[in-house]
Amino acid sequence: MELQTFQALIAGLTADITGRPLDTDLADTLNRTHGPGSDSYAALFAACREAIAAGWMCKHEAGGIRYGRVLKPAPELHGFSVDVVDMDDVAGPHHVHPNGEIDLIMPLTDGARFDGHPAGWCVYPPGSAHRPTVSSGRALVLYLLPQGAIEFTKATS
């Protein structure tokens, strides 16, 4: 998996969602059209596993979490950045989503959940905050951040 190929996959996805409100309707749409069982979900999941194996994705580690910003916000990505994390029964650092956050959950362990969500998509609206948590196993989580906006806080919950 090469970065340019990955970027093209993401660009196709962000073209479908650009300009849409970050809300439960978007999560429902993503789960119907790009959720588990779809070709696009399988392609993104495979691309992430291949990129991690190649060493250019999730190349940093802290607090038991492998992570990294894969793509900065760009016009060809409709202003979204892409981060990917590899988490195994761990909670990450608390942060705020000034512009919202769109998450693709890809369990590596059957039954692994991200913030209580199973495989698929969840969407956090602008101004929301959380301490991202993977439970019941290991999962990859792909984050789409409008304009790359994220603010880490000192909060613990």
N, C-alpha and C. Protein backbone atom coordinates (compact mmCIF):
# COMPACT_ATOMS: atom_id res chain seq x y z
N MET A 1 0.84 -1.18 0.00
CA MET A 1 0.00 0.00 0.00
C MET A 1 0.88 1.24 0.00
N GLU A 2 0.66 2.09 -0.96
CA GLU A 2 1.41 3.34 -1.06
C GLU A 2 0.53 4.50 -0.61
N LEU A 3 1.15 5.55 -0.14
CA LEU A 3 0.43 6.70 0.38
C LEU A 3 -0.51 7.30 -0.67
N GLN A 4 -0.08 7.37 -1.92
CA GLN A 4 -0.93 7.95 -2.97
C GLN A 4 -2.20 7.12 -3.19
N THR A 5 -2.07 5.82 -3.12
CA THR A 5 -3.23 4.95 -3.28
C THR A 5 -4.19 5.13 -2.11
N PHE A 6 -3.64 5.22 -0.91
CA PHE A 6 -4.45 5.45 0.27
C PHE A 6 -5.17 6.80 0.17
N GLN A 7 -4.45 7.81 -0.25
CA GLN A 7 -5.05 9.14 -0.38
C GLN A 7 -6.21 9.12 -1.39
N ALA A 8 -6.07 8.38 -2.46
CA ALA A 8 -7.15 8.28 -3.44
C ALA A 8 -8.39 7.61 -2.84
N LEU A 9 -8.19 6.58 -2.01
CA LEU A 9 -9.32 5.94 -1.32
C LEU A 9 -10.05 6.95 -0.44
N ILE A 10 -9.28 7.71 0.31
CA ILE A 10 -9.86 8.70 1.22
C ILE A 10 -10.56 9.81 0.44
N ALA A 11 -9.96 10.26 -0.64
CA ALA A 11 -10.55 11.33 -1.44
C ALA A 11 -11.92 10.93 -1.99
N GLY A 12 -12.05 9.67 -2.39
CA GLY A 12 -13.35 9.19 -2.85
C GLY A 12 -14.40 9.24 -1.75
N LEU A 13 -13.98 8.88 -0.55
CA LEU A 13 -14.88 8.91 0.60
C LEU A 13 -15.24 10.34 0.98
N THR A 14 -14.24 11.22 1.09
CA THR A 14 -14.53 12.58 1.52
C THR A 14 -15.37 13.33 0.49
N ALA A 15 -15.27 12.95 -0.78
CA ALA A 15 -16.12 13.56 -1.81
C ALA A 15 -17.59 13.28 -1.51
N ASP A 16 -17.87 12.10 -0.94
CA ASP A 16 -19.26 11.72 -0.61
C ASP A 16 -19.81 12.48 0.59
N ILE A 17 -18.93 12.97 1.47
CA ILE A 17 -19.42 13.55 2.72
C ILE A 17 -19.18 15.04 2.86
N THR A 18 -18.42 15.63 1.95
CA THR A 18 -18.10 17.04 2.09
C THR A 18 -19.37 17.89 2.12
N GLY A 19 -19.38 18.86 3.03
CA GLY A 19 -20.51 19.76 3.15
C GLY A 19 -21.67 19.23 3.98
N ARG A 20 -21.60 17.98 4.39
CA ARG A 20 -22.69 17.40 5.19
C ARG A 20 -22.48 17.71 6.67
N PRO A 21 -23.57 17.92 7.40
CA PRO A 21 -23.43 18.12 8.84
C PRO A 21 -22.87 16.86 9.49
N LEU A 22 -22.03 17.04 10.50
CA LEU A 22 -21.49 15.91 11.24
C LEU A 22 -22.48 15.57 12.35
N ASP A 23 -23.33 14.56 12.06
CA ASP A 23 -24.41 14.19 12.98
C ASP A 23 -24.75 12.72 12.80
N THR A 24 -25.78 12.27 13.50
CA THR A 24 -26.16 10.85 13.44
C THR A 24 -26.65 10.45 12.05
N ASP A 25 -27.24 11.39 11.30
CA ASP A 25 -27.67 11.06 9.93
C ASP A 25 -26.46 10.70 9.07
N LEU A 26 -25.35 11.43 9.25
CA LEU A 26 -24.15 11.11 8.50
C LEU A 26 -23.61 9.75 8.91
N ALA A 27 -23.60 9.46 10.21
CA ALA A 27 -23.15 8.14 10.68
C ALA A 27 -24.00 7.04 10.06
N ASP A 28 -25.32 7.23 10.05
CA ASP A 28 -26.21 6.23 9.47
C ASP A 28 -25.93 6.03 7.98
N THR A 29 -25.73 7.13 7.26
CA THR A 29 -25.43 7.04 5.83
C THR A 29 -24.11 6.32 5.59
N LEU A 30 -23.09 6.68 6.35
CA LEU A 30 -21.79 6.02 6.18
C LEU A 30 -21.89 4.53 6.48
N ASN A 31 -22.62 4.16 7.51
CA ASN A 31 -22.76 2.74 7.85
C ASN A 31 -23.54 1.98 6.78
N ARG A 32 -24.50 2.64 6.13
CA ARG A 32 -25.25 1.99 5.04
C ARG A 32 -24.40 1.85 3.79
N THR A 33 -23.64 2.89 3.44
CA THR A 33 -22.94 2.90 2.15
C THR A 33 -21.48 2.47 2.22
N HIS A 34 -20.84 2.68 3.37
CA HIS A 34 -19.41 2.37 3.49
C HIS A 34 -19.12 1.56 4.75
N GLY A 35 -20.14 0.89 5.29
CA GLY A 35 -19.97 0.15 6.54
C GLY A 35 -19.49 -1.26 6.33
N PRO A 36 -19.36 -2.01 7.42
CA PRO A 36 -18.92 -3.40 7.34
C PRO A 36 -19.73 -4.17 6.30
N GLY A 37 -19.04 -4.95 5.51
CA GLY A 37 -19.68 -5.71 4.44
C GLY A 37 -19.61 -5.00 3.09
N SER A 38 -19.26 -3.71 3.09
CA SER A 38 -19.16 -2.98 1.83
C SER A 38 -17.74 -3.11 1.26
N ASP A 39 -17.64 -2.92 -0.04
CA ASP A 39 -16.33 -2.95 -0.69
C ASP A 39 -15.43 -1.84 -0.16
N SER A 40 -16.00 -0.65 0.08
CA SER A 40 -15.17 0.47 0.54
C SER A 40 -14.63 0.22 1.95
N TYR A 41 -15.43 -0.37 2.83
CA TYR A 41 -14.96 -0.71 4.18
C TYR A 41 -13.80 -1.72 4.08
N ALA A 42 -14.01 -2.75 3.29
CA ALA A 42 -12.97 -3.78 3.12
C ALA A 42 -11.69 -3.17 2.56
N ALA A 43 -11.82 -2.26 1.59
CA ALA A 43 -10.65 -1.63 0.97
C ALA A 43 -9.91 -0.75 1.98
N LEU A 44 -10.64 0.03 2.76
CA LEU A 44 -9.99 0.89 3.76
C LEU A 44 -9.31 0.07 4.86
N PHE A 45 -9.98 -0.98 5.31
CA PHE A 45 -9.43 -1.85 6.35
C PHE A 45 -8.15 -2.51 5.84
N ALA A 46 -8.20 -3.06 4.64
CA ALA A 46 -7.01 -3.70 4.05
C ALA A 46 -5.89 -2.69 3.86
N ALA A 47 -6.22 -1.50 3.39
CA ALA A 47 -5.21 -0.46 3.16
C ALA A 47 -4.52 -0.09 4.46
N CYS A 48 -5.28 0.05 5.54
CA CYS A 48 -4.67 0.39 6.83
C CYS A 48 -3.76 -0.73 7.33
N ARG A 49 -4.21 -1.97 7.23
CA ARG A 49 -3.36 -3.09 7.67
C ARG A 49 -2.07 -3.15 6.85
N GLU A 50 -2.18 -2.96 5.54
CA GLU A 50 -1.00 -2.99 4.67
C GLU A 50 -0.05 -1.83 4.97
N ALA A 51 -0.59 -0.66 5.19
CA ALA A 51 0.24 0.52 5.47
C ALA A 51 0.96 0.38 6.81
N ILE A 52 0.28 -0.20 7.80
CA ILE A 52 0.93 -0.43 9.09
C ILE A 52 2.05 -1.45 8.92
N ALA A 53 1.79 -2.51 8.18
CA ALA A 53 2.83 -3.53 7.93
C ALA A 53 4.01 -2.92 7.17
N ALA A 54 3.73 -1.96 6.28
CA ALA A 54 4.80 -1.31 5.51
C ALA A 54 5.58 -0.31 6.36
N GLY A 55 5.03 0.07 7.52
CA GLY A 55 5.75 0.92 8.45
C GLY A 55 5.49 2.42 8.34
N TRP A 56 4.63 2.86 7.44
CA TRP A 56 4.42 4.30 7.33
C TRP A 56 3.14 4.77 7.99
N MET A 57 2.32 3.87 8.48
CA MET A 57 1.10 4.25 9.22
C MET A 57 1.25 3.76 10.66
N CYS A 58 0.76 4.56 11.61
CA CYS A 58 0.85 4.24 13.05
C CYS A 58 2.30 4.04 13.47
N LYS A 59 3.16 4.93 13.01
CA LYS A 59 4.59 4.76 13.26
C LYS A 59 5.06 5.36 14.60
N HIS A 60 4.16 6.03 15.32
CA HIS A 60 4.50 6.59 16.63
C HIS A 60 3.81 5.74 17.70
N GLU A 61 4.34 5.79 18.91
CA GLU A 61 3.71 5.06 20.01
C GLU A 61 3.87 5.83 21.31
N ALA A 62 2.77 5.90 22.07
CA ALA A 62 2.78 6.52 23.40
C ALA A 62 1.61 5.94 24.18
N GLY A 63 1.85 5.64 25.44
CA GLY A 63 0.78 5.16 26.30
C GLY A 63 0.10 3.90 25.81
N GLY A 64 0.83 3.06 25.08
CA GLY A 64 0.26 1.82 24.57
C GLY A 64 -0.58 2.00 23.31
N ILE A 65 -0.52 3.17 22.70
CA ILE A 65 -1.29 3.46 21.49
C ILE A 65 -0.31 3.75 20.36
N ARG A 66 -0.50 3.06 19.25
CA ARG A 66 0.25 3.37 18.04
C ARG A 66 -0.61 4.33 17.23
N TYR A 67 0.01 5.38 16.69
CA TYR A 67 -0.80 6.43 16.06
C TYR A 67 0.02 7.20 15.03
N GLY A 68 -0.68 8.07 14.32
CA GLY A 68 -0.01 8.99 13.42
C GLY A 68 -0.98 9.71 12.51
N ARG A 69 -0.63 10.95 12.19
CA ARG A 69 -1.38 11.70 11.18
C ARG A 69 -0.87 11.20 9.84
N VAL A 70 -1.77 10.64 9.06
CA VAL A 70 -1.42 10.05 7.78
C VAL A 70 -1.48 11.09 6.66
N LEU A 71 -2.52 11.91 6.70
CA LEU A 71 -2.70 12.94 5.67
C LEU A 71 -3.14 14.24 6.32
N LYS A 72 -2.50 15.32 5.93
CA LYS A 72 -2.91 16.64 6.40
C LYS A 72 -4.11 17.11 5.59
N PRO A 73 -4.88 18.06 6.14
CA PRO A 73 -6.02 18.57 5.37
C PRO A 73 -5.54 19.14 4.03
N ALA A 74 -6.29 18.84 3.00
CA ALA A 74 -5.92 19.28 1.66
C ALA A 74 -7.16 19.42 0.81
N PRO A 75 -7.11 20.27 -0.22
CA PRO A 75 -8.28 20.42 -1.10
C PRO A 75 -8.73 19.10 -1.72
N GLU A 76 -7.79 18.25 -2.12
CA GLU A 76 -8.18 16.97 -2.73
C GLU A 76 -8.85 16.02 -1.73
N LEU A 77 -8.70 16.33 -0.43
CA LEU A 77 -9.37 15.56 0.62
C LEU A 77 -10.57 16.33 1.18
N HIS A 78 -10.95 17.39 0.46
CA HIS A 78 -12.11 18.20 0.85
C HIS A 78 -11.94 18.80 2.23
N GLY A 79 -10.68 19.12 2.58
CA GLY A 79 -10.38 19.77 3.85
C GLY A 79 -10.24 18.86 5.05
N PHE A 80 -10.34 17.56 4.85
CA PHE A 80 -10.20 16.62 5.97
C PHE A 80 -8.75 16.19 6.14
N SER A 81 -8.36 15.96 7.39
CA SER A 81 -7.10 15.26 7.67
C SER A 81 -7.46 13.83 8.01
N VAL A 82 -6.44 12.97 8.02
CA VAL A 82 -6.64 11.56 8.36
C VAL A 82 -5.60 11.16 9.39
N ASP A 83 -6.07 10.63 10.51
CA ASP A 83 -5.22 10.02 11.52
C ASP A 83 -5.68 8.58 11.68
N VAL A 84 -4.74 7.70 12.03
CA VAL A 84 -5.09 6.30 12.30
C VAL A 84 -4.40 5.91 13.60
N VAL A 85 -5.16 5.21 14.46
CA VAL A 85 -4.62 4.69 15.71
C VAL A 85 -4.84 3.18 15.78
N ASP A 86 -3.96 2.52 16.50
CA ASP A 86 -4.06 1.09 16.79
C ASP A 86 -4.11 1.00 18.31
N MET A 87 -5.27 0.59 18.84
CA MET A 87 -5.49 0.59 20.28
C MET A 87 -5.95 -0.80 20.74
N ASP A 88 -5.46 -1.21 21.91
CA ASP A 88 -5.81 -2.52 22.47
C ASP A 88 -6.22 -2.34 23.93
N ASP A 89 -7.54 -2.35 24.18
CA ASP A 89 -8.08 -2.19 25.54
C ASP A 89 -7.41 -1.03 26.28
N VAL A 90 -7.52 0.15 25.70
CA VAL A 90 -6.87 1.32 26.28
C VAL A 90 -7.69 2.57 25.98
N ALA A 91 -7.54 3.55 26.85
CA ALA A 91 -8.17 4.86 26.63
C ALA A 91 -7.08 5.85 26.22
N GLY A 92 -7.39 6.65 25.24
CA GLY A 92 -6.46 7.66 24.76
C GLY A 92 -6.66 8.98 25.47
N PRO A 93 -5.90 9.99 25.04
CA PRO A 93 -5.98 11.29 25.69
C PRO A 93 -7.28 12.04 25.36
N HIS A 94 -7.81 12.71 26.36
CA HIS A 94 -9.03 13.50 26.19
C HIS A 94 -8.78 14.61 25.17
N HIS A 95 -9.76 14.83 24.31
CA HIS A 95 -9.65 15.92 23.34
C HIS A 95 -11.02 16.43 22.92
N VAL A 96 -11.00 17.62 22.34
CA VAL A 96 -12.19 18.29 21.83
C VAL A 96 -12.11 18.30 20.31
N HIS A 97 -13.29 18.18 19.68
CA HIS A 97 -13.40 18.23 18.22
C HIS A 97 -14.03 19.57 17.83
N PRO A 98 -13.23 20.61 17.59
CA PRO A 98 -13.82 21.91 17.27
C PRO A 98 -14.77 21.86 16.07
N ASN A 99 -14.43 21.05 15.07
CA ASN A 99 -15.24 20.95 13.85
C ASN A 99 -15.92 19.59 13.71
N GLY A 100 -15.84 18.77 14.75
CA GLY A 100 -16.39 17.42 14.70
C GLY A 100 -15.33 16.39 14.34
N GLU A 101 -15.74 15.13 14.34
CA GLU A 101 -14.83 14.02 14.05
C GLU A 101 -15.65 12.87 13.47
N ILE A 102 -15.11 12.24 12.45
CA ILE A 102 -15.76 11.08 11.82
C ILE A 102 -14.80 9.90 12.01
N ASP A 103 -15.29 8.82 12.62
CA ASP A 103 -14.43 7.69 12.97
C ASP A 103 -14.87 6.42 12.27
N LEU A 104 -13.90 5.71 11.69
CA LEU A 104 -14.12 4.39 11.13
C LEU A 104 -13.48 3.38 12.07
N ILE A 105 -14.29 2.50 12.61
CA ILE A 105 -13.85 1.50 13.59
C ILE A 105 -13.64 0.17 12.87
N MET A 106 -12.41 -0.35 12.99
CA MET A 106 -12.03 -1.59 12.32
C MET A 106 -11.45 -2.55 13.36
N PRO A 107 -12.29 -3.38 13.97
CA PRO A 107 -11.81 -4.30 15.00
C PRO A 107 -10.80 -5.32 14.45
N LEU A 108 -9.71 -5.47 15.18
CA LEU A 108 -8.73 -6.52 14.89
C LEU A 108 -9.01 -7.75 15.74
N THR A 109 -9.79 -7.55 16.81
CA THR A 109 -10.25 -8.62 17.69
C THR A 109 -11.77 -8.64 17.58
N ASP A 110 -12.35 -9.81 17.35
CA ASP A 110 -13.82 -9.90 17.29
C ASP A 110 -14.42 -9.29 18.54
N GLY A 111 -15.38 -8.40 18.34
CA GLY A 111 -16.09 -7.80 19.46
C GLY A 111 -15.46 -6.55 20.02
N ALA A 112 -14.28 -6.15 19.52
CA ALA A 112 -13.67 -4.92 20.01
C ALA A 112 -14.58 -3.75 19.67
N ARG A 113 -14.63 -2.79 20.60
CA ARG A 113 -15.50 -1.63 20.43
C ARG A 113 -14.70 -0.35 20.65
N PHE A 114 -15.16 0.70 20.00
CA PHE A 114 -14.56 2.02 20.17
C PHE A 114 -15.63 2.93 20.76
N ASP A 115 -15.39 3.44 21.95
CA ASP A 115 -16.39 4.26 22.65
C ASP A 115 -17.75 3.58 22.66
N GLY A 116 -17.74 2.26 22.79
CA GLY A 116 -18.97 1.49 22.84
C GLY A 116 -19.54 1.12 21.49
N HIS A 117 -18.94 1.62 20.40
CA HIS A 117 -19.44 1.34 19.05
C HIS A 117 -18.73 0.13 18.45
N PRO A 118 -19.47 -0.75 17.77
CA PRO A 118 -18.85 -1.88 17.07
C PRO A 118 -18.25 -1.43 15.74
N ALA A 119 -17.82 -2.37 14.95
CA ALA A 119 -17.27 -2.08 13.62
C ALA A 119 -18.20 -1.16 12.85
N GLY A 120 -17.62 -0.20 12.17
CA GLY A 120 -18.40 0.74 11.37
C GLY A 120 -18.02 2.18 11.68
N TRP A 121 -18.96 3.06 11.49
CA TRP A 121 -18.73 4.49 11.59
C TRP A 121 -19.45 5.10 12.79
N CYS A 122 -18.80 6.07 13.43
CA CYS A 122 -19.47 6.93 14.39
C CYS A 122 -19.03 8.35 14.10
N VAL A 123 -19.91 9.29 14.41
CA VAL A 123 -19.66 10.69 14.09
C VAL A 123 -19.88 11.52 15.34
N TYR A 124 -18.92 12.39 15.64
CA TYR A 124 -19.04 13.33 16.75
C TYR A 124 -19.25 14.72 16.17
N PRO A 125 -20.24 15.47 16.68
CA PRO A 125 -20.52 16.79 16.14
C PRO A 125 -19.49 17.83 16.58
N PRO A 126 -19.48 18.97 15.92
CA PRO A 126 -18.58 20.05 16.33
C PRO A 126 -18.76 20.40 17.80
N GLY A 127 -17.64 20.63 18.48
CA GLY A 127 -17.66 21.01 19.88
C GLY A 127 -17.72 19.85 20.85
N SER A 128 -17.85 18.62 20.34
CA SER A 128 -17.90 17.46 21.23
C SER A 128 -16.50 17.12 21.74
N ALA A 129 -16.46 16.28 22.76
CA ALA A 129 -15.19 15.88 23.36
C ALA A 129 -15.32 14.45 23.89
N HIS A 130 -14.19 13.78 23.99
CA HIS A 130 -14.20 12.44 24.58
C HIS A 130 -12.78 12.01 24.90
N ARG A 131 -12.71 10.91 25.61
CA ARG A 131 -11.46 10.20 25.84
C ARG A 131 -11.60 8.91 25.04
N PRO A 132 -11.04 8.84 23.83
CA PRO A 132 -11.27 7.69 22.95
C PRO A 132 -10.82 6.40 23.63
N THR A 133 -11.72 5.41 23.60
CA THR A 133 -11.46 4.18 24.34
C THR A 133 -11.81 2.97 23.49
N VAL A 134 -10.86 2.06 23.37
CA VAL A 134 -11.13 0.77 22.75
C VAL A 134 -11.24 -0.25 23.88
N SER A 135 -12.32 -1.02 23.84
CA SER A 135 -12.57 -2.05 24.85
C SER A 135 -12.83 -3.38 24.18
N SER A 136 -12.70 -4.43 24.94
CA SER A 136 -12.96 -5.81 24.49
C SER A 136 -12.05 -6.24 23.35
N GLY A 137 -10.84 -5.74 23.34
CA GLY A 137 -9.88 -6.18 22.33
C GLY A 137 -9.15 -5.03 21.65
N ARG A 138 -8.71 -5.32 20.45
CA ARG A 138 -7.86 -4.40 19.69
C ARG A 138 -8.59 -3.94 18.44
N ALA A 139 -8.40 -2.66 18.11
CA ALA A 139 -9.02 -2.10 16.91
C ALA A 139 -8.16 -1.02 16.30
N LEU A 140 -8.30 -0.87 15.00
CA LEU A 140 -7.78 0.30 14.29
C LEU A 140 -8.94 1.29 14.22
N VAL A 141 -8.62 2.56 14.38
CA VAL A 141 -9.63 3.61 14.23
C VAL A 141 -9.04 4.67 13.32
N LEU A 142 -9.77 4.97 12.25
CA LEU A 142 -9.39 6.01 11.31
C LEU A 142 -10.23 7.24 11.64
N TYR A 143 -9.55 8.38 11.85
CA TYR A 143 -10.23 9.63 12.20
C TYR A 143 -10.16 10.58 11.02
N LEU A 144 -11.32 11.08 10.61
CA LEU A 144 -11.38 12.18 9.65
C LEU A 144 -11.71 13.43 10.44
N LEU A 145 -10.83 14.43 10.36
CA LEU A 145 -11.03 15.67 11.09
C LEU A 145 -11.16 16.83 10.11
N PRO A 146 -12.32 17.51 10.11
CA PRO A 146 -12.46 18.67 9.24
C PRO A 146 -11.40 19.73 9.58
N GLN A 147 -10.65 20.12 8.58
CA GLN A 147 -9.55 21.09 8.72
C GLN A 147 -8.46 20.61 9.68
N GLY A 148 -8.46 19.31 10.01
CA GLY A 148 -7.44 18.76 10.90
C GLY A 148 -7.56 19.23 12.33
N ALA A 149 -8.69 19.82 12.70
CA ALA A 149 -8.85 20.46 14.00
C ALA A 149 -9.08 19.45 15.12
N ILE A 150 -8.19 19.52 16.12
CA ILE A 150 -8.32 18.72 17.34
C ILE A 150 -7.59 19.48 18.44
N GLU A 151 -8.16 19.47 19.63
CA GLU A 151 -7.55 20.16 20.77
C GLU A 151 -7.45 19.18 21.93
N PHE A 152 -6.23 18.82 22.26
CA PHE A 152 -6.01 17.93 23.41
C PHE A 152 -6.14 18.74 24.69
N THR A 153 -6.76 18.12 25.70
CA THR A 153 -7.04 18.80 26.96
C THR A 153 -6.38 18.05 28.10
N LYS A 154 -6.47 18.62 29.27
CA LYS A 154 -5.93 17.95 30.46
C LYS A 154 -7.01 17.15 31.18
N ALA A 155 -8.25 17.19 30.67
CA ALA A 155 -9.34 16.45 31.31
C ALA A 155 -9.07 14.96 31.25
N THR A 156 -9.60 14.22 32.20
CA THR A 156 -9.38 12.77 32.24
C THR A 156 -10.62 11.99 31.90
N SER A 157 -11.72 12.65 31.66
CA SER A 157 -12.92 11.91 31.29
C SER A 157 -13.76 12.69 30.30
